[in-house]
PDB file of N, CA and C in Angstrom:
ATOM      1  N   MET A   1       3.596 -15.248   8.091  1.00  0.00           N
ATOM      2  CA  MET A   1       2.393 -14.452   8.227  1.00  0.00           C
ATOM      3  C   MET A   1       1.234 -15.236   7.611  1.00  0.00           C
ATOM      4  N   GLU A   2       0.132 -15.300   8.325  1.00  0.00           N
ATOM      5  CA  GLU A   2      -1.012 -16.041   7.824  1.00  0.00           C
ATOM      6  C   GLU A   2      -1.727 -15.255   6.731  1.00  0.00           C
ATOM      7  N   ILE A   3      -2.461 -15.966   5.900  1.00  0.00           N
ATOM      8  CA  ILE A   3      -3.152 -15.320   4.782  1.00  0.00           C
ATOM      9  C   ILE A   3      -4.233 -14.363   5.272  1.00  0.00           C
ATOM     10  N   ILE A   4      -4.934 -14.717   6.346  1.00  0.00           N
ATOM     11  CA  ILE A   4      -5.959 -13.825   6.891  1.00  0.00           C
ATOM     12  C   ILE A   4      -5.313 -12.550   7.422  1.00  0.00           C
ATOM     13  N   GLY A   5      -4.179 -12.687   8.075  1.00  0.00           N
ATOM     14  CA  GLY A   5      -3.445 -11.525   8.571  1.00  0.00           C
ATOM     15  C   GLY A   5      -2.998 -10.614   7.448  1.00  0.00           C
ATOM     16  N   VAL A   6      -2.542 -11.216   6.338  1.00  0.00           N
ATOM     17  CA  VAL A   6      -2.120 -10.432   5.179  1.00  0.00           C
ATOM     18  C   VAL A   6      -3.310  -9.684   4.580  1.00  0.00           C
ATOM     19  N   LEU A   7      -4.456 -10.348   4.490  1.00  0.00           N
ATOM     20  CA  LEU A   7      -5.634  -9.701   3.915  1.00  0.00           C
ATOM     21  C   LEU A   7      -6.112  -8.530   4.784  1.00  0.00           C
ATOM     22  N   VAL A   8      -6.185  -8.748   6.079  1.00  0.00           N
ATOM     23  CA  VAL A   8      -6.641  -7.678   6.974  1.00  0.00           C
ATOM     24  C   VAL A   8      -5.643  -6.527   6.980  1.00  0.00           C
ATOM     25  N   ALA A   9      -4.357  -6.860   7.093  1.00  0.00           N
ATOM     26  CA  ALA A   9      -3.336  -5.816   7.062  1.00  0.00           C
ATOM     27  C   ALA A   9      -3.330  -5.101   5.714  1.00  0.00           C
ATOM     28  N   GLY A  10      -3.548  -5.840   4.627  1.00  0.00           N
ATOM     29  CA  GLY A  10      -3.592  -5.231   3.299  1.00  0.00           C
ATOM     30  C   GLY A  10      -4.739  -4.256   3.144  1.00  0.00           C
ATOM     31  N   LEU A  11      -5.883  -4.581   3.724  1.00  0.00           N
ATOM     32  CA  LEU A  11      -7.020  -3.667   3.666  1.00  0.00           C
ATOM     33  C   LEU A  11      -6.697  -2.365   4.385  1.00  0.00           C
ATOM     34  N   ILE A  12      -6.132  -2.489   5.561  1.00  0.00           N
ATOM     35  CA  ILE A  12      -5.794  -1.292   6.340  1.00  0.00           C
ATOM     36  C   ILE A  12      -4.675  -0.507   5.670  1.00  0.00           C
ATOM     37  N   ILE A  13      -3.638  -1.191   5.237  1.00  0.00           N
ATOM     38  CA  ILE A  13      -2.505  -0.523   4.591  1.00  0.00           C
ATOM     39  C   ILE A  13      -2.925   0.089   3.264  1.00  0.00           C
ATOM     40  N   GLY A  14      -3.832  -0.562   2.538  1.00  0.00           N
ATOM     41  CA  GLY A  14      -4.326   0.004   1.284  1.00  0.00           C
ATOM     42  C   GLY A  14      -5.030   1.319   1.496  1.00  0.00           C
ATOM     43  N   LEU A  15      -5.856   1.400   2.521  1.00  0.00           N
ATOM     44  CA  LEU A  15      -6.538   2.653   2.827  1.00  0.00           C
ATOM     45  C   LEU A  15      -5.548   3.715   3.294  1.00  0.00           C
ATOM     46  N   LEU A  16      -4.555   3.312   4.080  1.00  0.00           N
ATOM     47  CA  LEU A  16      -3.526   4.270   4.482  1.00  0.00           C
ATOM     48  C   LEU A  16      -2.691   4.720   3.283  1.00  0.00           C
ATOM     49  N   GLY A  17      -2.408   3.800   2.379  1.00  0.00           N
ATOM     50  CA  GLY A  17      -1.666   4.158   1.167  1.00  0.00           C
ATOM     51  C   GLY A  17      -2.442   5.124   0.300  1.00  0.00           C
ATOM     52  N   LYS A  18      -3.760   4.950   0.230  1.00  0.00           N
ATOM     53  CA  LYS A  18      -4.589   5.878  -0.539  1.00  0.00           C
ATOM     54  C   LYS A  18      -4.581   7.256   0.115  1.00  0.00           C
ATOM     55  N   PHE A  19      -4.571   7.275   1.446  1.00  0.00           N
ATOM     56  CA  PHE A  19      -4.530   8.538   2.176  1.00  0.00           C
ATOM     57  C   PHE A  19      -3.196   9.246   1.979  1.00  0.00           C
ATOM     58  N   VAL A  20      -2.105   8.483   1.899  1.00  0.00           N
ATOM     59  CA  VAL A  20      -0.767   9.051   1.778  1.00  0.00           C
ATOM     60  C   VAL A  20      -0.455   9.463   0.340  1.00  0.00           C
ATOM     61  N   ALA A  21      -1.101   8.845  -0.641  1.00  0.00           N
ATOM     62  CA  ALA A  21      -0.816   9.142  -2.052  1.00  0.00           C
ATOM     63  C   ALA A  21      -1.094  10.610  -2.345  1.00  0.00           C
ATOM     64  N   PRO A  22      -0.220  11.250  -3.111  1.00  0.00           N
ATOM     65  CA  PRO A  22      -0.332  12.693  -3.323  1.00  0.00           C
ATOM     66  C   PRO A  22      -1.483  13.096  -4.240  1.00  0.00           C
ATOM     67  N   GLY A  23      -2.187  14.145  -3.840  1.00  0.00           N
ATOM     68  CA  GLY A  23      -3.181  14.813  -4.674  1.00  0.00           C
ATOM     69  C   GLY A  23      -4.276  13.926  -5.227  1.00  0.00           C
ATOM     70  N   ASP A  24      -4.666  14.199  -6.478  1.00  0.00           N
ATOM     71  CA  ASP A  24      -5.753  13.464  -7.114  1.00  0.00           C
ATOM     72  C   ASP A  24      -5.254  12.198  -7.816  1.00  0.00           C
ATOM     73  N   ARG A  25      -4.028  11.815  -7.540  1.00  0.00           N
ATOM     74  CA  ARG A  25      -3.456  10.618  -8.164  1.00  0.00           C
ATOM     75  C   ARG A  25      -4.057   9.339  -7.597  1.00  0.00           C
ATOM     76  N   ASP A  26      -4.851   9.471  -6.528  1.00  0.00           N
ATOM     77  CA  ASP A  26      -5.394   8.293  -5.869  1.00  0.00           C
ATOM     78  C   ASP A  26      -6.850   8.038  -6.241  1.00  0.00           C
ATOM     79  N   ASN A  27      -7.288   8.504  -7.394  1.00  0.00           N
ATOM     80  CA  ASN A  27      -8.677   8.337  -7.810  1.00  0.00           C
ATOM     81  C   ASN A  27      -8.847   7.008  -8.545  1.00  0.00           C
ATOM     82  N   ILE A  28      -8.806   5.930  -7.781  1.00  0.00           N
ATOM     83  CA  ILE A  28      -8.987   4.595  -8.327  1.00  0.00           C
ATOM     84  C   ILE A  28     -10.077   3.905  -7.529  1.00  0.00           C
ATOM     85  N   PRO A  29     -10.660   2.842  -8.055  1.00  0.00           N
ATOM     86  CA  PRO A  29     -11.716   2.133  -7.321  1.00  0.00           C
ATOM     87  C   PRO A  29     -11.198   1.563  -5.997  1.00  0.00           C
ATOM     88  N   LEU A  30     -12.110   1.403  -5.062  1.00  0.00           N
ATOM     89  CA  LEU A  30     -11.743   0.913  -3.741  1.00  0.00           C
ATOM     90  C   LEU A  30     -11.142  -0.491  -3.803  1.00  0.00           C
ATOM     91  N   TRP A  31     -11.676  -1.356  -4.660  1.00  0.00           N
ATOM     92  CA  TRP A  31     -11.151  -2.718  -4.741  1.00  0.00           C
ATOM     93  C   TRP A  31      -9.704  -2.719  -5.216  1.00  0.00           C
ATOM     94  N   LEU A  32      -9.360  -1.788  -6.117  1.00  0.00           N
ATOM     95  CA  LEU A  32      -7.983  -1.715  -6.603  1.00  0.00           C
ATOM     96  C   LEU A  32      -7.065  -1.147  -5.524  1.00  0.00           C
ATOM     97  N   THR A  33      -7.589  -0.221  -4.728  1.00  0.00           N
ATOM     98  CA  THR A  33      -6.832   0.304  -3.602  1.00  0.00           C
ATOM     99  C   THR A  33      -6.506  -0.802  -2.609  1.00  0.00           C
ATOM    100  N   LEU A  34      -7.490  -1.656  -2.340  1.00  0.00           N
ATOM    101  CA  LEU A  34      -7.270  -2.750  -1.398  1.00  0.00           C
ATOM    102  C   LEU A  34      -6.275  -3.763  -1.947  1.00  0.00           C
ATOM    103  N   LEU A  35      -6.320  -4.023  -3.252  1.00  0.00           N
ATOM    104  CA  LEU A  35      -5.323  -4.914  -3.862  1.00  0.00           C
ATOM    105  C   LEU A  35      -3.919  -4.311  -3.771  1.00  0.00           C
ATOM    106  N   CYS A  36      -3.835  -2.994  -3.945  1.00  0.00           N
ATOM    107  CA  CYS A  36      -2.539  -2.319  -3.802  1.00  0.00           C
ATOM    108  C   CYS A  36      -2.043  -2.437  -2.363  1.00  0.00           C
ATOM    109  N   GLY A  37      -2.952  -2.378  -1.413  1.00  0.00           N
ATOM    110  CA  GLY A  37      -2.567  -2.537  -0.013  1.00  0.00           C
ATOM    111  C   GLY A  37      -2.045  -3.919   0.283  1.00  0.00           C
ATOM    112  N   ILE A  38      -2.711  -4.923  -0.242  1.00  0.00           N
ATOM    113  CA  ILE A  38      -2.252  -6.304  -0.040  1.00  0.00           C
ATOM    114  C   ILE A  38      -0.884  -6.492  -0.700  1.00  0.00           C
ATOM    115  N   GLY A  39      -0.735  -5.936  -1.891  1.00  0.00           N
ATOM    116  CA  GLY A  39       0.566  -6.001  -2.562  1.00  0.00           C
ATOM    117  C   GLY A  39       1.634  -5.248  -1.785  1.00  0.00           C
ATOM    118  N   GLY A  40       1.276  -4.100  -1.220  1.00  0.00           N
ATOM    119  CA  GLY A  40       2.223  -3.331  -0.418  1.00  0.00           C
ATOM    120  C   GLY A  40       2.687  -4.088   0.809  1.00  0.00           C
ATOM    121  N   VAL A  41       1.758  -4.807   1.453  1.00  0.00           N
ATOM    122  CA  VAL A  41       2.126  -5.602   2.632  1.00  0.00           C
ATOM    123  C   VAL A  41       3.054  -6.742   2.232  1.00  0.00           C
ATOM    124  N   LEU A  42       2.712  -7.445   1.166  1.00  0.00           N
ATOM    125  CA  LEU A  42       3.544  -8.575   0.740  1.00  0.00           C
ATOM    126  C   LEU A  42       4.933  -8.118   0.304  1.00  0.00           C
ATOM    127  N   ILE A  43       4.977  -7.094  -0.534  1.00  0.00           N
ATOM    128  CA  ILE A  43       6.274  -6.605  -1.014  1.00  0.00           C
ATOM    129  C   ILE A  43       7.051  -5.960   0.128  1.00  0.00           C
ATOM    130  N   GLY A  44       6.353  -5.208   0.984  1.00  0.00           N
ATOM    131  CA  GLY A  44       7.010  -4.560   2.119  1.00  0.00           C
ATOM    132  C   GLY A  44       7.627  -5.556   3.081  1.00  0.00           C
ATOM    133  N   TYR A  45       6.966  -6.679   3.261  1.00  0.00           N
ATOM    134  CA  TYR A  45       7.494  -7.722   4.141  1.00  0.00           C
ATOM    135  C   TYR A  45       8.830  -8.226   3.614  1.00  0.00           C
ATOM    136  N   TYR A  46       8.925  -8.453   2.309  1.00  0.00           N
ATOM    137  CA  TYR A  46      10.162  -8.971   1.728  1.00  0.00           C
ATOM    138  C   TYR A  46      11.227  -7.898   1.587  1.00  0.00           C
ATOM    139  N   VAL A  47      10.830  -6.655   1.307  1.00  0.00           N
ATOM    140  CA  VAL A  47      11.805  -5.559   1.227  1.00  0.00           C
ATOM    141  C   VAL A  47      12.425  -5.321   2.596  1.00  0.00           C
ATOM    142  N   ALA A  48      11.596  -5.334   3.642  1.00  0.00           N
ATOM    143  CA  ALA A  48      12.119  -5.143   4.996  1.00  0.00           C
ATOM    144  C   ALA A  48      13.089  -6.260   5.360  1.00  0.00           C
ATOM    145  N   ALA A  49      12.760  -7.485   4.975  1.00  0.00           N
ATOM    146  CA  ALA A  49      13.666  -8.599   5.245  1.00  0.00           C
ATOM    147  C   ALA A  49      14.970  -8.435   4.468  1.00  0.00           C
ATOM    148  N   ALA A  50      14.892  -7.944   3.231  1.00  0.00           N
ATOM    149  CA  ALA A  50      16.090  -7.741   2.427  1.00  0.00           C
ATOM    150  C   ALA A  50      16.961  -6.613   2.996  1.00  0.00           C
ATOM    151  N   LEU A  51      16.316  -5.631   3.647  1.00  0.00           N
ATOM    152  CA  LEU A  51      17.068  -4.527   4.251  1.00  0.00           C
ATOM    153  C   LEU A  51      17.609  -4.888   5.626  1.00  0.00           C
ATOM    154  N   GLY A  52      17.296  -6.068   6.102  1.00  0.00           N
ATOM    155  CA  GLY A  52      17.830  -6.527   7.372  1.00  0.00           C
ATOM    156  C   GLY A  52      17.001  -6.146   8.582  1.00  0.00           C
ATOM    157  N   VAL A  53      15.736  -5.789   8.389  1.00  0.00           N
ATOM    158  CA  VAL A  53      14.865  -5.477   9.516  1.00  0.00           C
ATOM    159  C   VAL A  53      14.528  -6.782  10.224  1.00  0.00           C
ATOM    160  N   GLU A  54      14.902  -6.861  11.483  1.00  0.00           N
ATOM    161  CA  GLU A  54      14.682  -8.074  12.258  1.00  0.00           C
ATOM    162  C   GLU A  54      13.269  -8.108  12.814  1.00  0.00           C
ATOM    163  N   ALA A  55      12.688  -9.283  12.906  1.00  0.00           N
ATOM    164  CA  ALA A  55      11.375  -9.447  13.533  1.00  0.00           C
ATOM    165  C   ALA A  55      11.533  -9.231  15.033  1.00  0.00           C
ATOM    166  N   THR A  56      10.660  -8.446  15.613  1.00  0.00           N
ATOM    167  CA  THR A  56      10.711  -8.155  17.034  1.00  0.00           C
ATOM    168  C   THR A  56       9.480  -8.742  17.710  1.00  0.00           C
ATOM    169  N   PRO A  57       9.519  -8.906  19.020  1.00  0.00           N
ATOM    170  CA  PRO A  57       8.353  -9.441  19.704  1.00  0.00           C
ATOM    171  C   PRO A  57       7.172  -8.473  19.716  1.00  0.00           C
ATOM    172  N   GLY A  58       7.413  -7.207  19.504  1.00  0.00           N
ATOM    173  CA  GLY A  58       6.340  -6.212  19.483  1.00  0.00           C
ATOM    174  C   GLY A  58       5.921  -5.902  18.063  1.00  0.00           C
ATOM    175  N   ILE A  59       5.550  -4.663  17.841  1.00  0.00           N
ATOM    176  CA  ILE A  59       5.124  -4.209  16.515  1.00  0.00           C
ATOM    177  C   ILE A  59       6.356  -3.810  15.713  1.00  0.00           C
ATOM    178  N   ASP A  60       6.436  -4.294  14.494  1.00  0.00           N
ATOM    179  CA  ASP A  60       7.548  -3.946  13.605  1.00  0.00           C
ATOM    180  C   ASP A  60       7.201  -2.651  12.875  1.00  0.00           C
ATOM    181  N   TRP A  61       7.506  -1.520  13.491  1.00  0.00           N
ATOM    182  CA  TRP A  61       7.125  -0.222  12.924  1.00  0.00           C
ATOM    183  C   TRP A  61       7.805   0.039  11.593  1.00  0.00           C
ATOM    184  N   ILE A  62       9.062  -0.317  11.468  1.00  0.00           N
ATOM    185  CA  ILE A  62       9.784  -0.069  10.214  1.00  0.00           C
ATOM    186  C   ILE A  62       9.152  -0.871   9.086  1.00  0.00           C
ATOM    187  N   ARG A  63       8.797  -2.107   9.358  1.00  0.00           N
ATOM    188  CA  ARG A  63       8.162  -2.955   8.339  1.00  0.00           C
ATOM    189  C   ARG A  63       6.822  -2.360   7.902  1.00  0.00           C
ATOM    190  N   TRP A  64       6.034  -1.837   8.862  1.00  0.00           N
ATOM    191  CA  TRP A  64       4.732  -1.256   8.519  1.00  0.00           C
ATOM    192  C   TRP A  64       4.892   0.051   7.758  1.00  0.00           C
ATOM    193  N   ILE A  65       5.890   0.850   8.105  1.00  0.00           N
ATOM    194  CA  ILE A  65       6.125   2.095   7.364  1.00  0.00           C
ATOM    195  C   ILE A  65       6.530   1.783   5.934  1.00  0.00           C
ATOM    196  N   ILE A  66       7.397   0.795   5.753  1.00  0.00           N
ATOM    197  CA  ILE A  66       7.790   0.379   4.405  1.00  0.00           C
ATOM    198  C   ILE A  66       6.560  -0.096   3.630  1.00  0.00           C
ATOM    199  N   SER A  67       5.684  -0.858   4.275  1.00  0.00           N
ATOM    200  CA  SER A  67       4.472  -1.354   3.612  1.00  0.00           C
ATOM    201  C   SER A  67       3.549  -0.215   3.205  1.00  0.00           C
ATOM    202  N   ILE A  68       3.391   0.792   4.055  1.00  0.00           N
ATOM    203  CA  ILE A  68       2.529   1.938   3.733  1.00  0.00           C
ATOM    204  C   ILE A  68       3.096   2.714   2.552  1.00  0.00           C
ATOM    205  N   VAL A  69       4.413   2.943   2.555  1.00  0.00           N
ATOM    206  CA  VAL A  69       5.037   3.668   1.446  1.00  0.00           C
ATOM    207  C   VAL A  69       4.888   2.891   0.142  1.00  0.00           C
ATOM    208  N   LEU A  70       5.119   1.590   0.184  1.00  0.00           N
ATOM    209  CA  LEU A  70       4.970   0.777  -1.024  1.00  0.00           C
ATOM    210  C   LEU A  70       3.523   0.730  -1.498  1.00  0.00           C
ATOM    211  N   ALA A  71       2.563   0.686  -0.572  1.00  0.00           N
ATOM    212  CA  ALA A  71       1.155   0.717  -0.969  1.00  0.00           C
ATOM    213  C   ALA A  71       0.811   2.046  -1.616  1.00  0.00           C
ATOM    214  N   ALA A  72       1.340   3.145  -1.102  1.00  0.00           N
ATOM    215  CA  ALA A  72       1.099   4.454  -1.713  1.00  0.00           C
ATOM    216  C   ALA A  72       1.689   4.510  -3.117  1.00  0.00           C
ATOM    217  N   ILE A  73       2.873   3.936  -3.279  1.00  0.00           N
ATOM    218  CA  ILE A  73       3.486   3.898  -4.617  1.00  0.00           C
ATOM    219  C   ILE A  73       2.638   3.049  -5.563  1.00  0.00           C
ATOM    220  N   LEU A  74       2.142   1.912  -5.085  1.00  0.00           N
ATOM    221  CA  LEU A  74       1.286   1.065  -5.920  1.00  0.00           C
ATOM    222  C   LEU A  74      -0.028   1.767  -6.273  1.00  0.00           C
ATOM    223  N   VAL A  75      -0.578   2.547  -5.337  1.00  0.00           N
ATOM    224  CA  VAL A  75      -1.803   3.307  -5.629  1.00  0.00           C
ATOM    225  C   VAL A  75      -1.540   4.327  -6.734  1.00  0.00           C
ATOM    226  N   VAL A  76      -0.415   5.029  -6.659  1.00  0.00           N
ATOM    227  CA  VAL A  76      -0.069   6.008  -7.697  1.00  0.00           C
ATOM    228  C   VAL A  76       0.141   5.319  -9.039  1.00  0.00           C
ATOM    229  N   ILE A  77       0.820   4.182  -9.036  1.00  0.00           N
ATOM    230  CA  ILE A  77       1.030   3.438 -10.281  1.00  0.00           C
ATOM    231  C   ILE A  77      -0.307   2.965 -10.854  1.00  0.00           C
ATOM    232  N   ALA A  78      -1.183   2.450  -9.996  1.00  0.00           N
ATOM    233  CA  ALA A  78      -2.494   1.979 -10.462  1.00  0.00           C
ATOM    234  C   ALA A  78      -3.327   3.133 -11.019  1.00  0.00           C
ATOM    235  N   ALA A  79      -3.247   4.298 -10.392  1.00  0.00           N
ATOM    236  CA  ALA A  79      -3.985   5.458 -10.901  1.00  0.00           C
ATOM    237  C   ALA A  79      -3.441   5.894 -12.259  1.00  0.00           C
ATOM    238  N   THR A  80      -2.131   5.794 -12.427  1.00  0.00           N
ATOM    239  CA  THR A  80      -1.522   6.170 -13.708  1.00  0.00           C
ATOM    240  C   THR A  80      -1.897   5.176 -14.804  1.00  0.00           C
ATOM    241  N   VAL A  81      -1.873   3.903 -14.475  1.00  0.00           N
ATOM    242  CA  VAL A  81      -2.165   2.867 -15.460  1.00  0.00           C
ATOM    243  C   VAL A  81      -3.636   2.878 -15.864  1.00  0.00           C
ATOM    244  N   THR A  82      -4.528   3.030 -14.882  1.00  0.00           N
ATOM    245  CA  THR A  82      -5.961   3.008 -15.212  1.00  0.00           C
ATOM    246  C   THR A  82      -6.402   4.281 -15.899  1.00  0.00           C
ATOM    247  N   GLY A  83      -5.685   5.381 -15.682  1.00  0.00           N
ATOM    248  CA  GLY A  83      -5.997   6.608 -16.390  1.00  0.00           C
ATOM    249  C   GLY A  83      -7.240   7.326 -15.921  1.00  0.00           C
ATOM    250  N   ARG A  84      -7.769   6.982 -14.758  1.00  0.00           N
ATOM    251  CA  ARG A  84      -8.939   7.684 -14.237  1.00  0.00           C
ATOM    252  C   ARG A  84      -8.511   9.020 -13.679  1.00  0.00           C
ATOM    253  N   ARG A  85      -9.270  10.038 -13.994  1.00  0.00           N
ATOM    254  CA  ARG A  85      -8.963  11.372 -13.514  1.00  0.00           C
ATOM    255  C   ARG A  85     -10.200  11.990 -12.898  1.00  0.00           C
ATOM    256  N   SER A  86      -9.975  12.893 -11.966  1.00  0.00           N
ATOM    257  CA  SER A  86     -11.078  13.631 -11.367  1.00  0.00           C
ATOM    258  C   SER A  86     -10.947  15.098 -11.718  1.00  0.00           C
ATOM    259  N   GLY A  87     -12.022  15.827 -11.605  1.00  0.00           N
ATOM    260  CA  GLY A  87     -11.979  17.248 -11.868  1.00  0.00           C
ATOM    261  C   GLY A  87     -12.181  17.562 -13.346  1.00  0.00           C
ATOM    262  N   ARG A  88     -12.056  18.863 -13.622  1.00  0.00           N
ATOM    263  CA  ARG A  88     -12.256  19.331 -15.003  1.00  0.00           C
ATOM    264  C   ARG A  88     -10.948  19.350 -15.756  1.00  0.00           C
ATOM    265  N   ARG A  89     -11.053  19.176 -17.033  1.00  0.00           N
ATOM    266  CA  ARG A  89      -9.896  19.362 -17.901  1.00  0.00           C
ATOM    267  C   ARG A  89     -10.027  20.719 -18.557  1.00  0.00           C
ATOM    268  N   VAL A  90      -8.917  21.375 -18.663  1.00  0.00           N
ATOM    269  CA  VAL A  90      -8.918  22.720 -19.253  1.00  0.00           C
ATOM    270  C   VAL A  90      -8.366  22.662 -20.642  1.00  0.00           C
TER     271      VAL A  90
END
């Protein structure tokens, strides 16, 4: 996979991961969301290969689903680590 492809896919997957992340746990800066997306694509590519997902001539849907889930997990982890919260505290 080319680096430009990883960056573009990471941007898209990062935004999808932010959309999939549960509740207000995704209140992190946009740049960090995009980094989580790039990380999700890179890690998802290797996890899919480790699970035996074969490269196909078309779109690798399983690989992209794994990448989106991993990006959502990275977004939740980043939100937890940065400690940013939205809303009121009671």
